[in-house]
């Protein structure tokens, strides 16, 4: 069987949109980044008690998984799809107006 020009066989591909499965660690990274209003490696690493390299790796994994190009885009996509929920202003971890 040839797939070249003139072949009478037609192939159709149906691509099903699959929601990405966020691991608990990636979910926690997104939620903490949103709560602290930062994507700073050092601040996130201190809060999550891990290394800065772990934070970098997590955001790289998120970019691939969510098909995004930046940390902010990953956060925005996660919020838009309901994978993480923004906190009301008075319940954030910064210690502001509580």
C-alpha atoms as a PDB file:
ATOM      1  CA  UNK A   1       0.000   0.000   0.000  1.00  0.00           C
ATOM      2  CA  UNK A   2       1.405   3.373  -1.015  1.00  0.00           C
ATOM      3  CA  UNK A   3       0.639   6.671   0.687  1.00  0.00           C
ATOM      4  CA  UNK A   4       2.006   8.766  -2.158  1.00  0.00           C
ATOM      5  CA  UNK A   5       0.088  11.026  -4.557  1.00  0.00           C
ATOM      6  CA  UNK A   6      -2.781   9.445  -6.315  1.00  0.00           C
ATOM      7  CA  UNK A   7      -3.544   7.031  -3.541  1.00  0.00           C
ATOM      8  CA  UNK A   8      -7.253   6.479  -3.156  1.00  0.00           C
ATOM      9  CA  UNK A   9      -6.957   5.803   0.559  1.00  0.00           C
ATOM     10  CA  UNK A  10      -7.782   8.822   2.709  1.00  0.00           C
ATOM     11  CA  UNK A  11      -6.792   9.065   6.330  1.00  0.00           C
ATOM     12  CA  UNK A  12      -8.502  11.255   8.859  1.00  0.00           C
ATOM     13  CA  UNK A  13      -7.141  12.078  12.229  1.00  0.00           C
ATOM     14  CA  UNK A  14      -9.397  13.201  15.017  1.00  0.00           C
ATOM     15  CA  UNK A  15      -7.532  15.091  17.677  1.00  0.00           C
ATOM     16  CA  UNK A  16      -9.249  15.065  21.003  1.00  0.00           C
ATOM     17  CA  UNK A  17      -8.448  17.909  23.369  1.00  0.00           C
ATOM     18  CA  UNK A  18      -7.146  16.373  26.560  1.00  0.00           C
ATOM     19  CA  UNK A  19      -7.001  18.413  29.750  1.00  0.00           C
ATOM     20  CA  UNK A  20      -3.518  18.232  31.250  1.00  0.00           C
ATOM     21  CA  UNK A  21      -3.143  16.356  34.508  1.00  0.00           C
ATOM     22  CA  UNK A  22      -1.397  18.611  36.989  1.00  0.00           C
ATOM     23  CA  UNK A  23       0.550  16.744  39.628  1.00  0.00           C
ATOM     24  CA  UNK A  24      -0.024  17.854  43.223  1.00  0.00           C
ATOM     25  CA  UNK A  25       3.439  19.466  43.200  1.00  0.00           C
ATOM     26  CA  UNK A  26       2.724  21.487  40.049  1.00  0.00           C
ATOM     27  CA  UNK A  27      -0.683  22.467  41.404  1.00  0.00           C
ATOM     28  CA  UNK A  28       0.956  23.632  44.635  1.00  0.00           C
ATOM     29  CA  UNK A  29       3.573  25.613  42.672  1.00  0.00           C
ATOM     30  CA  UNK A  30       0.876  27.456  40.707  1.00  0.00           C
ATOM     31  CA  UNK A  31      -1.272  28.110  43.767  1.00  0.00           C
ATOM     32  CA  UNK A  32       1.681  29.368  45.825  1.00  0.00           C
ATOM     33  CA  UNK A  33       2.891  31.589  43.003  1.00  0.00           C
ATOM     34  CA  UNK A  34      -0.578  33.083  42.720  1.00  0.00           C
ATOM     35  CA  UNK A  35      -1.002  33.497  46.482  1.00  0.00           C
ATOM     36  CA  UNK A  36       2.376  35.199  46.915  1.00  0.00           C
ATOM     37  CA  UNK A  37       1.904  37.191  43.695  1.00  0.00           C
ATOM     38  CA  UNK A  38       5.364  36.226  42.498  1.00  0.00           C
ATOM     39  CA  UNK A  39       7.206  33.902  40.161  1.00  0.00           C
ATOM     40  CA  UNK A  40      10.515  34.579  41.922  1.00  0.00           C
ATOM     41  CA  UNK A  41      12.443  31.319  42.325  1.00  0.00           C
ATOM     42  CA  UNK A  42      13.955  32.195  45.713  1.00  0.00           C
ATOM     43  CA  UNK A  43      10.669  33.288  47.311  1.00  0.00           C
ATOM     44  CA  UNK A  44       8.779  30.277  46.003  1.00  0.00           C
ATOM     45  CA  UNK A  45      11.577  27.893  47.023  1.00  0.00           C
ATOM     46  CA  UNK A  46      11.605  29.267  50.577  1.00  0.00           C
ATOM     47  CA  UNK A  47       7.829  28.980  50.891  1.00  0.00           C
ATOM     48  CA  UNK A  48       7.635  25.498  49.353  1.00  0.00           C
ATOM     49  CA  UNK A  49      10.791  24.357  51.160  1.00  0.00           C
ATOM     50  CA  UNK A  50      12.631  23.209  48.053  1.00  0.00           C
ATOM     51  CA  UNK A  51      15.480  24.442  45.860  1.00  0.00           C
ATOM     52  CA  UNK A  52      15.361  27.176  43.248  1.00  0.00           C
ATOM     53  CA  UNK A  53      16.229  24.516  40.659  1.00  0.00           C
ATOM     54  CA  UNK A  54      13.084  22.600  41.639  1.00  0.00           C
ATOM     55  CA  UNK A  55      11.032  25.747  41.024  1.00  0.00           C
ATOM     56  CA  UNK A  56      12.682  26.302  37.622  1.00  0.00           C
ATOM     57  CA  UNK A  57      12.088  22.686  36.681  1.00  0.00           C
ATOM     58  CA  UNK A  58       8.451  22.896  37.775  1.00  0.00           C
ATOM     59  CA  UNK A  59       7.782  25.950  35.637  1.00  0.00           C
ATOM     60  CA  UNK A  60       9.511  24.309  32.644  1.00  0.00           C
ATOM     61  CA  UNK A  61       7.291  21.225  33.107  1.00  0.00           C
ATOM     62  CA  UNK A  62       4.224  23.474  33.316  1.00  0.00           C
ATOM     63  CA  UNK A  63       5.183  25.281  30.101  1.00  0.00           C
ATOM     64  CA  UNK A  64       5.402  21.981  28.233  1.00  0.00           C
ATOM     65  CA  UNK A  65       2.291  20.507  29.819  1.00  0.00           C
ATOM     66  CA  UNK A  66       0.146  23.622  29.362  1.00  0.00           C
ATOM     67  CA  UNK A  67       1.761  24.620  26.044  1.00  0.00           C
ATOM     68  CA  UNK A  68       2.671  28.090  27.298  1.00  0.00           C
ATOM     69  CA  UNK A  69       5.701  30.316  26.824  1.00  0.00           C
ATOM     70  CA  UNK A  70       6.004  32.067  30.185  1.00  0.00           C
ATOM     71  CA  UNK A  71       5.267  31.634  33.856  1.00  0.00           C
ATOM     72  CA  UNK A  72       2.585  34.326  33.719  1.00  0.00           C
ATOM     73  CA  UNK A  73       0.931  32.623  30.768  1.00  0.00           C
ATOM     74  CA  UNK A  74       0.929  29.319  32.693  1.00  0.00           C
ATOM     75  CA  UNK A  75      -0.757  31.004  35.671  1.00  0.00           C
ATOM     76  CA  UNK A  76      -3.316  32.740  33.466  1.00  0.00           C
ATOM     77  CA  UNK A  77      -4.172  29.548  31.599  1.00  0.00           C
ATOM     78  CA  UNK A  78      -4.564  27.624  34.859  1.00  0.00           C
ATOM     79  CA  UNK A  79      -6.937  30.288  36.211  1.00  0.00           C
ATOM     80  CA  UNK A  80      -8.970  30.489  32.992  1.00  0.00           C
ATOM     81  CA  UNK A  81      -9.465  26.725  32.918  1.00  0.00           C
ATOM     82  CA  UNK A  82     -10.326  26.523  36.609  1.00  0.00           C
ATOM     83  CA  UNK A  83      -7.305  24.405  37.553  1.00  0.00           C
ATOM     84  CA  UNK A  84      -6.443  26.949  40.257  1.00  0.00           C
ATOM     85  CA  UNK A  85      -8.749  29.483  41.879  1.00  0.00           C
ATOM     86  CA  UNK A  86      -7.656  33.038  42.714  1.00  0.00           C
ATOM     87  CA  UNK A  87      -7.862  33.940  46.386  1.00  0.00           C
ATOM     88  CA  UNK A  88     -10.031  36.813  47.609  1.00  0.00           C
ATOM     89  CA  UNK A  89      -7.840  39.845  48.270  1.00  0.00           C
ATOM     90  CA  UNK A  90      -8.031  39.603  52.065  1.00  0.00           C
ATOM     91  CA  UNK A  91      -6.908  35.947  52.245  1.00  0.00           C
ATOM     92  CA  UNK A  92      -3.542  36.181  50.457  1.00  0.00           C
ATOM     93  CA  UNK A  93      -0.358  35.184  52.208  1.00  0.00           C
ATOM     94  CA  UNK A  94       1.289  38.621  52.091  1.00  0.00           C
ATOM     95  CA  UNK A  95      -0.217  39.822  55.353  1.00  0.00           C
ATOM     96  CA  UNK A  96      -1.975  42.828  53.818  1.00  0.00           C
ATOM     97  CA  UNK A  97      -5.504  43.943  54.733  1.00  0.00           C
ATOM     98  CA  UNK A  98      -6.788  41.069  56.804  1.00  0.00           C
END
